[in-house]
Amino acid sequence: MMRAAIFTIDTGLYKAKEESAAAAALKRLLGQAGFEVKAAGVLPQDGEMLAAVLRQLADSGSVELILTTGAAGYLEEDCAPTALTEVSDRLIPGIPEALRAYNLRYGKSAMLESLAAGIRKRTVLLNLPESAKTAKEDIEYILPELVQVVENVGLE
């Protein structure tokens, strides 16, 4: 069974100790796809903290997939893509390109998303938008390819 972690990057939710609708939707969807979600939570919009969490989880080998939602726009506090890019050994640019193109059906603002995807050691990392609806639809759209990447990276 493949193992995953899901983190919502949102300082307001973090301070309020609230759960994320996007993370809950992703957890259900990943479970149906054969993933065991080993960790899920909300983190503040702090790039250094996020990078440390990504590094620790990937380096420990405890999960094969880490998804983040939120903090993936173009504003200074949108730290998720920068943190993911910083910790990745190599990037997978086709995934965020495909998601941006797919999300343009909602409107042109999708071109402002700064999503990123990469690999650290044997863990696949992916940023998703904060909206529960969009994050869920994005995963549904790429799920077969995402599973393929996770399985192949695990064989390296």
N, C-alpha and C. Protein backbone atom coordinates (compact mmCIF):
# COMPACT_ATOMS: atom_id res chain seq x y z
N MET A 1 0.83 -1.18 0.00
CA MET A 1 0.00 0.00 0.00
C MET A 1 0.88 1.25 0.00
N MET A 2 0.55 2.20 -0.86
CA MET A 2 1.29 3.45 -0.93
C MET A 2 0.88 4.35 0.23
N ARG A 3 1.84 5.13 0.71
CA ARG A 3 1.59 6.00 1.86
C ARG A 3 1.70 7.46 1.45
N ALA A 4 0.82 8.29 2.01
CA ALA A 4 0.79 9.70 1.63
C ALA A 4 0.66 10.60 2.86
N ALA A 5 0.99 11.86 2.65
CA ALA A 5 0.78 12.92 3.64
C ALA A 5 0.13 14.09 2.92
N ILE A 6 -0.74 14.79 3.62
CA ILE A 6 -1.46 15.93 3.04
C ILE A 6 -1.38 17.10 4.02
N PHE A 7 -0.94 18.24 3.52
CA PHE A 7 -0.85 19.43 4.36
C PHE A 7 -1.50 20.62 3.67
N THR A 8 -2.35 21.32 4.41
CA THR A 8 -2.90 22.58 3.94
C THR A 8 -2.03 23.68 4.50
N ILE A 9 -1.63 24.60 3.63
CA ILE A 9 -0.77 25.71 4.04
C ILE A 9 -1.64 26.95 4.15
N ASP A 10 -2.02 27.30 5.39
CA ASP A 10 -2.94 28.41 5.61
C ASP A 10 -2.77 28.89 7.05
N THR A 11 -2.19 30.06 7.23
CA THR A 11 -1.90 30.57 8.57
C THR A 11 -3.18 30.78 9.38
N GLY A 12 -4.25 31.26 8.75
CA GLY A 12 -5.51 31.46 9.46
C GLY A 12 -6.08 30.17 10.01
N LEU A 13 -6.12 29.13 9.18
CA LEU A 13 -6.61 27.82 9.65
C LEU A 13 -5.69 27.26 10.74
N TYR A 14 -4.39 27.46 10.57
CA TYR A 14 -3.42 26.96 11.55
C TYR A 14 -3.66 27.59 12.91
N LYS A 15 -3.81 28.92 12.94
CA LYS A 15 -4.02 29.63 14.20
C LYS A 15 -5.35 29.25 14.84
N ALA A 16 -6.37 29.03 14.01
CA ALA A 16 -7.70 28.67 14.52
C ALA A 16 -7.80 27.19 14.86
N LYS A 17 -6.74 26.44 14.54
CA LYS A 17 -6.73 24.98 14.76
C LYS A 17 -7.93 24.32 14.09
N GLU A 18 -8.21 24.77 12.88
CA GLU A 18 -9.31 24.22 12.09
C GLU A 18 -8.77 23.24 11.07
N GLU A 19 -9.62 22.31 10.68
CA GLU A 19 -9.24 21.37 9.64
C GLU A 19 -9.51 21.96 8.27
N SER A 20 -8.93 21.37 7.28
CA SER A 20 -9.05 21.85 5.91
C SER A 20 -10.02 20.98 5.13
N ALA A 21 -10.97 21.63 4.46
CA ALA A 21 -11.91 20.89 3.61
C ALA A 21 -11.17 20.22 2.46
N ALA A 22 -10.15 20.89 1.92
CA ALA A 22 -9.39 20.31 0.81
C ALA A 22 -8.67 19.05 1.26
N ALA A 23 -8.04 19.08 2.42
CA ALA A 23 -7.31 17.90 2.92
C ALA A 23 -8.27 16.74 3.16
N ALA A 24 -9.46 17.03 3.70
CA ALA A 24 -10.43 15.96 3.94
C ALA A 24 -10.87 15.31 2.63
N ALA A 25 -11.12 16.13 1.61
CA ALA A 25 -11.52 15.60 0.30
C ALA A 25 -10.40 14.77 -0.31
N LEU A 26 -9.18 15.26 -0.22
CA LEU A 26 -8.04 14.53 -0.78
C LEU A 26 -7.80 13.22 -0.05
N LYS A 27 -7.98 13.23 1.27
CA LYS A 27 -7.77 12.02 2.06
C LYS A 27 -8.74 10.92 1.61
N ARG A 28 -10.01 11.28 1.41
CA ARG A 28 -11.00 10.29 0.94
C ARG A 28 -10.62 9.76 -0.44
N LEU A 29 -10.24 10.66 -1.33
CA LEU A 29 -9.92 10.28 -2.70
C LEU A 29 -8.68 9.38 -2.75
N LEU A 30 -7.65 9.74 -2.01
CA LEU A 30 -6.43 8.93 -1.99
C LEU A 30 -6.71 7.55 -1.38
N GLY A 31 -7.54 7.52 -0.35
CA GLY A 31 -7.90 6.24 0.26
C GLY A 31 -8.56 5.31 -0.74
N GLN A 32 -9.44 5.87 -1.56
CA GLN A 32 -10.11 5.07 -2.59
C GLN A 32 -9.13 4.58 -3.65
N ALA A 33 -8.02 5.31 -3.83
CA ALA A 33 -7.03 4.95 -4.84
C ALA A 33 -5.96 4.01 -4.29
N GLY A 34 -6.08 3.60 -3.02
CA GLY A 34 -5.13 2.65 -2.47
C GLY A 34 -4.00 3.25 -1.67
N PHE A 35 -4.13 4.52 -1.29
CA PHE A 35 -3.12 5.17 -0.45
C PHE A 35 -3.56 5.11 1.00
N GLU A 36 -2.61 4.93 1.88
CA GLU A 36 -2.85 5.10 3.31
C GLU A 36 -2.31 6.48 3.68
N VAL A 37 -3.17 7.35 4.17
CA VAL A 37 -2.74 8.70 4.55
C VAL A 37 -2.16 8.62 5.96
N LYS A 38 -0.84 8.76 6.05
CA LYS A 38 -0.12 8.61 7.31
C LYS A 38 -0.07 9.91 8.11
N ALA A 39 -0.21 11.04 7.44
CA ALA A 39 -0.15 12.33 8.12
C ALA A 39 -1.01 13.32 7.35
N ALA A 40 -1.70 14.17 8.11
CA ALA A 40 -2.50 15.23 7.51
C ALA A 40 -2.59 16.35 8.53
N GLY A 41 -2.55 17.57 8.05
CA GLY A 41 -2.64 18.68 8.98
C GLY A 41 -2.58 20.02 8.27
N VAL A 42 -2.57 21.05 9.09
CA VAL A 42 -2.52 22.42 8.61
C VAL A 42 -1.22 23.05 9.11
N LEU A 43 -0.50 23.71 8.21
CA LEU A 43 0.73 24.40 8.56
C LEU A 43 0.59 25.89 8.24
N PRO A 44 1.32 26.74 8.95
CA PRO A 44 1.27 28.17 8.62
C PRO A 44 2.01 28.45 7.31
N GLN A 45 1.75 29.61 6.76
CA GLN A 45 2.43 30.02 5.53
C GLN A 45 3.85 30.47 5.88
N ASP A 46 4.69 29.49 6.08
CA ASP A 46 6.08 29.69 6.48
C ASP A 46 6.92 28.75 5.63
N GLY A 47 7.61 29.30 4.64
CA GLY A 47 8.37 28.49 3.70
C GLY A 47 9.44 27.63 4.35
N GLU A 48 10.13 28.18 5.34
CA GLU A 48 11.18 27.42 6.00
C GLU A 48 10.61 26.23 6.75
N MET A 49 9.49 26.45 7.45
CA MET A 49 8.86 25.35 8.18
C MET A 49 8.37 24.28 7.21
N LEU A 50 7.72 24.71 6.13
CA LEU A 50 7.22 23.75 5.15
C LEU A 50 8.36 22.95 4.54
N ALA A 51 9.44 23.62 4.16
CA ALA A 51 10.59 22.92 3.58
C ALA A 51 11.13 21.89 4.57
N ALA A 52 11.19 22.23 5.85
CA ALA A 52 11.69 21.30 6.87
C ALA A 52 10.78 20.08 6.98
N VAL A 53 9.46 20.29 6.95
CA VAL A 53 8.51 19.18 7.03
C VAL A 53 8.65 18.28 5.80
N LEU A 54 8.73 18.89 4.62
CA LEU A 54 8.88 18.11 3.38
C LEU A 54 10.16 17.28 3.41
N ARG A 55 11.26 17.91 3.81
CA ARG A 55 12.54 17.20 3.89
C ARG A 55 12.46 16.02 4.87
N GLN A 56 11.94 16.29 6.05
CA GLN A 56 11.89 15.25 7.09
C GLN A 56 11.07 14.06 6.63
N LEU A 57 9.88 14.31 6.08
CA LEU A 57 9.02 13.20 5.64
C LEU A 57 9.65 12.43 4.48
N ALA A 58 10.17 13.15 3.49
CA ALA A 58 10.76 12.48 2.34
C ALA A 58 12.02 11.71 2.74
N ASP A 59 12.85 12.32 3.55
CA ASP A 59 14.11 11.67 3.93
C ASP A 59 13.89 10.46 4.84
N SER A 60 12.80 10.47 5.61
CA SER A 60 12.52 9.35 6.51
C SER A 60 11.99 8.13 5.76
N GLY A 61 11.50 8.35 4.53
CA GLY A 61 10.93 7.26 3.75
C GLY A 61 9.57 6.81 4.27
N SER A 62 8.93 7.62 5.10
CA SER A 62 7.66 7.21 5.71
C SER A 62 6.47 7.38 4.77
N VAL A 63 6.62 8.16 3.71
CA VAL A 63 5.55 8.33 2.72
C VAL A 63 6.16 8.38 1.32
N GLU A 64 5.36 7.98 0.33
CA GLU A 64 5.79 8.04 -1.07
C GLU A 64 5.21 9.24 -1.80
N LEU A 65 4.22 9.91 -1.18
CA LEU A 65 3.56 11.05 -1.80
C LEU A 65 3.24 12.09 -0.74
N ILE A 66 3.58 13.35 -1.03
CA ILE A 66 3.19 14.46 -0.16
C ILE A 66 2.45 15.47 -1.02
N LEU A 67 1.21 15.76 -0.62
CA LEU A 67 0.41 16.78 -1.27
C LEU A 67 0.29 17.99 -0.36
N THR A 68 0.38 19.19 -0.94
CA THR A 68 0.07 20.39 -0.19
C THR A 68 -1.05 21.11 -0.92
N THR A 69 -1.91 21.78 -0.16
CA THR A 69 -2.93 22.62 -0.74
C THR A 69 -2.76 24.02 -0.17
N GLY A 70 -3.03 25.00 -1.00
CA GLY A 70 -2.92 26.38 -0.55
C GLY A 70 -1.52 26.95 -0.71
N ALA A 71 -1.44 28.27 -0.51
CA ALA A 71 -0.19 29.03 -0.59
C ALA A 71 0.55 28.76 -1.89
N ALA A 72 -0.21 28.63 -2.99
CA ALA A 72 0.40 28.31 -4.29
C ALA A 72 0.08 29.35 -5.34
N GLY A 73 -0.06 30.58 -4.90
CA GLY A 73 -0.33 31.66 -5.85
C GLY A 73 0.93 32.45 -6.16
N TYR A 74 0.76 33.73 -6.39
CA TYR A 74 1.87 34.58 -6.79
C TYR A 74 2.26 35.60 -5.72
N LEU A 75 1.55 35.61 -4.58
CA LEU A 75 1.86 36.57 -3.53
C LEU A 75 3.06 36.13 -2.72
N GLU A 76 3.68 37.06 -2.03
CA GLU A 76 4.90 36.77 -1.27
C GLU A 76 4.67 35.66 -0.24
N GLU A 77 3.49 35.64 0.41
CA GLU A 77 3.24 34.62 1.43
C GLU A 77 2.90 33.24 0.84
N ASP A 78 2.76 33.16 -0.47
CA ASP A 78 2.46 31.89 -1.14
C ASP A 78 3.76 31.09 -1.29
N CYS A 79 4.11 30.37 -0.22
CA CYS A 79 5.43 29.77 -0.09
C CYS A 79 5.52 28.31 -0.55
N ALA A 80 4.39 27.67 -0.82
CA ALA A 80 4.43 26.23 -1.09
C ALA A 80 5.28 25.86 -2.32
N PRO A 81 5.10 26.52 -3.47
CA PRO A 81 5.91 26.13 -4.63
C PRO A 81 7.41 26.37 -4.42
N THR A 82 7.76 27.45 -3.75
CA THR A 82 9.17 27.74 -3.50
C THR A 82 9.77 26.69 -2.58
N ALA A 83 9.05 26.33 -1.51
CA ALA A 83 9.56 25.31 -0.58
C ALA A 83 9.71 23.97 -1.29
N LEU A 84 8.72 23.60 -2.09
CA LEU A 84 8.79 22.32 -2.81
C LEU A 84 9.96 22.31 -3.79
N THR A 85 10.11 23.38 -4.52
CA THR A 85 11.21 23.48 -5.50
C THR A 85 12.56 23.40 -4.79
N GLU A 86 12.66 24.07 -3.66
CA GLU A 86 13.91 24.11 -2.90
C GLU A 86 14.34 22.73 -2.42
N VAL A 87 13.39 21.90 -1.99
CA VAL A 87 13.76 20.60 -1.41
C VAL A 87 13.82 19.47 -2.43
N SER A 88 13.31 19.68 -3.63
CA SER A 88 13.26 18.61 -4.63
C SER A 88 14.63 18.31 -5.22
N ASP A 89 14.89 17.02 -5.44
CA ASP A 89 16.10 16.61 -6.16
C ASP A 89 15.92 16.86 -7.66
N ARG A 90 14.70 16.70 -8.13
CA ARG A 90 14.36 17.00 -9.52
C ARG A 90 12.89 17.37 -9.60
N LEU A 91 12.56 18.19 -10.58
CA LEU A 91 11.19 18.68 -10.76
C LEU A 91 10.46 17.87 -11.82
N ILE A 92 9.15 17.89 -11.74
CA ILE A 92 8.28 17.27 -12.75
C ILE A 92 7.38 18.39 -13.29
N PRO A 93 7.89 19.21 -14.21
CA PRO A 93 7.13 20.39 -14.64
C PRO A 93 5.84 20.09 -15.39
N GLY A 94 5.73 18.92 -15.99
CA GLY A 94 4.53 18.60 -16.76
C GLY A 94 3.27 18.52 -15.93
N ILE A 95 3.39 18.11 -14.66
CA ILE A 95 2.19 18.00 -13.82
C ILE A 95 1.57 19.36 -13.56
N PRO A 96 2.32 20.34 -13.03
CA PRO A 96 1.68 21.65 -12.81
C PRO A 96 1.23 22.32 -14.12
N GLU A 97 1.97 22.09 -15.20
CA GLU A 97 1.55 22.66 -16.49
C GLU A 97 0.19 22.08 -16.89
N ALA A 98 0.03 20.77 -16.74
CA ALA A 98 -1.24 20.13 -17.09
C ALA A 98 -2.37 20.62 -16.18
N LEU A 99 -2.09 20.78 -14.90
CA LEU A 99 -3.13 21.24 -13.97
C LEU A 99 -3.55 22.68 -14.27
N ARG A 100 -2.58 23.53 -14.56
CA ARG A 100 -2.93 24.92 -14.91
C ARG A 100 -3.81 24.94 -16.15
N ALA A 101 -3.43 24.18 -17.16
CA ALA A 101 -4.23 24.12 -18.39
C ALA A 101 -5.64 23.58 -18.09
N TYR A 102 -5.72 22.54 -17.29
CA TYR A 102 -7.01 21.94 -16.92
C TYR A 102 -7.87 22.94 -16.15
N ASN A 103 -7.25 23.70 -15.24
CA ASN A 103 -7.99 24.65 -14.40
C ASN A 103 -8.41 25.91 -15.14
N LEU A 104 -7.90 26.14 -16.32
CA LEU A 104 -8.33 27.30 -17.09
C LEU A 104 -9.82 27.22 -17.44
N ARG A 105 -10.42 26.05 -17.32
CA ARG A 105 -11.85 25.94 -17.59
C ARG A 105 -12.67 26.73 -16.57
N TYR A 106 -12.08 26.99 -15.39
CA TYR A 106 -12.74 27.81 -14.37
C TYR A 106 -12.60 29.30 -14.66
N GLY A 107 -11.57 29.64 -15.38
CA GLY A 107 -11.32 31.05 -15.67
C GLY A 107 -9.84 31.30 -15.83
N LYS A 108 -9.55 32.46 -16.36
CA LYS A 108 -8.16 32.81 -16.66
C LYS A 108 -7.28 32.95 -15.43
N SER A 109 -7.87 33.12 -14.25
CA SER A 109 -7.05 33.29 -13.05
C SER A 109 -6.21 32.04 -12.76
N ALA A 110 -6.55 30.90 -13.35
CA ALA A 110 -5.74 29.69 -13.15
C ALA A 110 -4.31 29.88 -13.63
N MET A 111 -4.09 30.79 -14.57
CA MET A 111 -2.72 31.03 -15.05
C MET A 111 -1.85 31.68 -13.99
N LEU A 112 -2.46 32.16 -12.91
CA LEU A 112 -1.71 32.80 -11.83
C LEU A 112 -1.26 31.82 -10.76
N GLU A 113 -1.67 30.56 -10.87
CA GLU A 113 -1.24 29.55 -9.91
C GLU A 113 0.24 29.24 -10.11
N SER A 114 0.94 29.07 -9.02
CA SER A 114 2.37 28.74 -9.07
C SER A 114 2.61 27.33 -8.56
N LEU A 115 1.81 26.40 -9.03
CA LEU A 115 1.94 25.01 -8.59
C LEU A 115 3.31 24.46 -8.99
N ALA A 116 3.77 23.49 -8.21
CA ALA A 116 5.04 22.81 -8.53
C ALA A 116 4.90 21.34 -8.18
N ALA A 117 5.73 20.52 -8.81
CA ALA A 117 5.79 19.09 -8.52
C ALA A 117 7.24 18.65 -8.61
N GLY A 118 7.63 17.74 -7.74
CA GLY A 118 9.01 17.27 -7.77
C GLY A 118 9.17 15.95 -7.06
N ILE A 119 10.42 15.53 -7.00
CA ILE A 119 10.78 14.27 -6.35
C ILE A 119 11.95 14.55 -5.42
N ARG A 120 11.83 14.06 -4.19
CA ARG A 120 12.96 14.08 -3.25
C ARG A 120 13.16 12.65 -2.79
N LYS A 121 14.34 12.15 -3.04
CA LYS A 121 14.67 10.75 -2.76
C LYS A 121 13.64 9.86 -3.47
N ARG A 122 12.77 9.17 -2.74
CA ARG A 122 11.75 8.31 -3.35
C ARG A 122 10.33 8.79 -3.03
N THR A 123 10.22 10.10 -2.81
CA THR A 123 8.93 10.69 -2.48
C THR A 123 8.54 11.72 -3.52
N VAL A 124 7.31 11.63 -4.01
CA VAL A 124 6.76 12.59 -4.97
C VAL A 124 6.07 13.70 -4.18
N LEU A 125 6.35 14.94 -4.57
CA LEU A 125 5.80 16.12 -3.90
C LEU A 125 4.95 16.89 -4.91
N LEU A 126 3.79 17.38 -4.48
CA LEU A 126 2.91 18.10 -5.39
C LEU A 126 2.13 19.17 -4.65
N ASN A 127 2.15 20.40 -5.18
CA ASN A 127 1.31 21.49 -4.68
C ASN A 127 -0.01 21.48 -5.43
N LEU A 128 -1.09 21.77 -4.72
CA LEU A 128 -2.42 21.89 -5.30
C LEU A 128 -3.05 23.20 -4.84
N PRO A 129 -4.06 23.68 -5.57
CA PRO A 129 -4.76 24.89 -5.13
C PRO A 129 -5.46 24.66 -3.79
N GLU A 130 -5.83 25.74 -3.12
CA GLU A 130 -6.45 25.65 -1.80
C GLU A 130 -7.90 25.20 -1.85
N SER A 131 -8.61 25.53 -2.90
CA SER A 131 -10.02 25.18 -3.01
C SER A 131 -10.20 23.66 -2.96
N ALA A 132 -11.09 23.19 -2.06
CA ALA A 132 -11.34 21.75 -1.94
C ALA A 132 -11.84 21.19 -3.26
N LYS A 133 -12.73 21.90 -3.91
CA LYS A 133 -13.30 21.44 -5.18
C LYS A 133 -12.21 21.31 -6.25
N THR A 134 -11.38 22.33 -6.38
CA THR A 134 -10.34 22.32 -7.40
C THR A 134 -9.27 21.28 -7.08
N ALA A 135 -8.83 21.20 -5.83
CA ALA A 135 -7.81 20.21 -5.45
C ALA A 135 -8.30 18.80 -5.74
N LYS A 136 -9.55 18.51 -5.37
CA LYS A 136 -10.12 17.18 -5.61
C LYS A 136 -10.21 16.88 -7.10
N GLU A 137 -10.70 17.83 -7.88
CA GLU A 137 -10.82 17.62 -9.32
C GLU A 137 -9.45 17.48 -9.97
N ASP A 138 -8.47 18.24 -9.49
CA ASP A 138 -7.11 18.12 -10.03
C ASP A 138 -6.55 16.73 -9.80
N ILE A 139 -6.71 16.19 -8.59
CA ILE A 139 -6.19 14.85 -8.31
C ILE A 139 -6.93 13.82 -9.14
N GLU A 140 -8.23 13.95 -9.24
CA GLU A 140 -8.99 13.01 -10.08
C GLU A 140 -8.47 13.03 -11.52
N TYR A 141 -8.14 14.21 -12.01
CA TYR A 141 -7.67 14.38 -13.39
C TYR A 141 -6.33 13.68 -13.63
N ILE A 142 -5.43 13.76 -12.64
CA ILE A 142 -4.07 13.24 -12.85
C ILE A 142 -3.80 11.94 -12.10
N LEU A 143 -4.79 11.39 -11.42
CA LEU A 143 -4.55 10.26 -10.53
C LEU A 143 -3.82 9.08 -11.19
N PRO A 144 -4.23 8.62 -12.36
CA PRO A 144 -3.50 7.48 -12.95
C PRO A 144 -2.01 7.79 -13.17
N GLU A 145 -1.72 8.97 -13.66
CA GLU A 145 -0.32 9.35 -13.90
C GLU A 145 0.42 9.55 -12.59
N LEU A 146 -0.26 10.11 -11.59
CA LEU A 146 0.36 10.32 -10.29
C LEU A 146 0.72 8.98 -9.65
N VAL A 147 -0.19 8.01 -9.70
CA VAL A 147 0.11 6.67 -9.18
C VAL A 147 1.29 6.06 -9.92
N GLN A 148 1.32 6.23 -11.24
CA GLN A 148 2.44 5.71 -12.03
C GLN A 148 3.77 6.30 -11.58
N VAL A 149 3.81 7.60 -11.37
CA VAL A 149 5.04 8.25 -10.93
C VAL A 149 5.44 7.73 -9.55
N VAL A 150 4.49 7.68 -8.63
CA VAL A 150 4.80 7.20 -7.29
C VAL A 150 5.35 5.77 -7.32
N GLU A 151 4.71 4.90 -8.09
CA GLU A 151 5.18 3.51 -8.19
C GLU A 151 6.57 3.43 -8.82
N ASN A 152 6.79 4.17 -9.89
CA ASN A 152 8.09 4.12 -10.57
C ASN A 152 9.22 4.71 -9.74
N VAL A 153 8.96 5.80 -9.05
CA VAL A 153 9.98 6.41 -8.19
C VAL A 153 10.35 5.43 -7.06
N GLY A 154 9.36 4.70 -6.57
CA GLY A 154 9.62 3.72 -5.52
C GLY A 154 10.49 2.56 -5.97
N LEU A 155 10.56 2.32 -7.29
CA LEU A 155 11.37 1.22 -7.83
C LEU A 155 12.81 1.63 -8.06
N GLU A 156 13.10 2.93 -8.04
CA GLU A 156 14.46 3.41 -8.34
C GLU A 156 15.47 2.87 -7.35
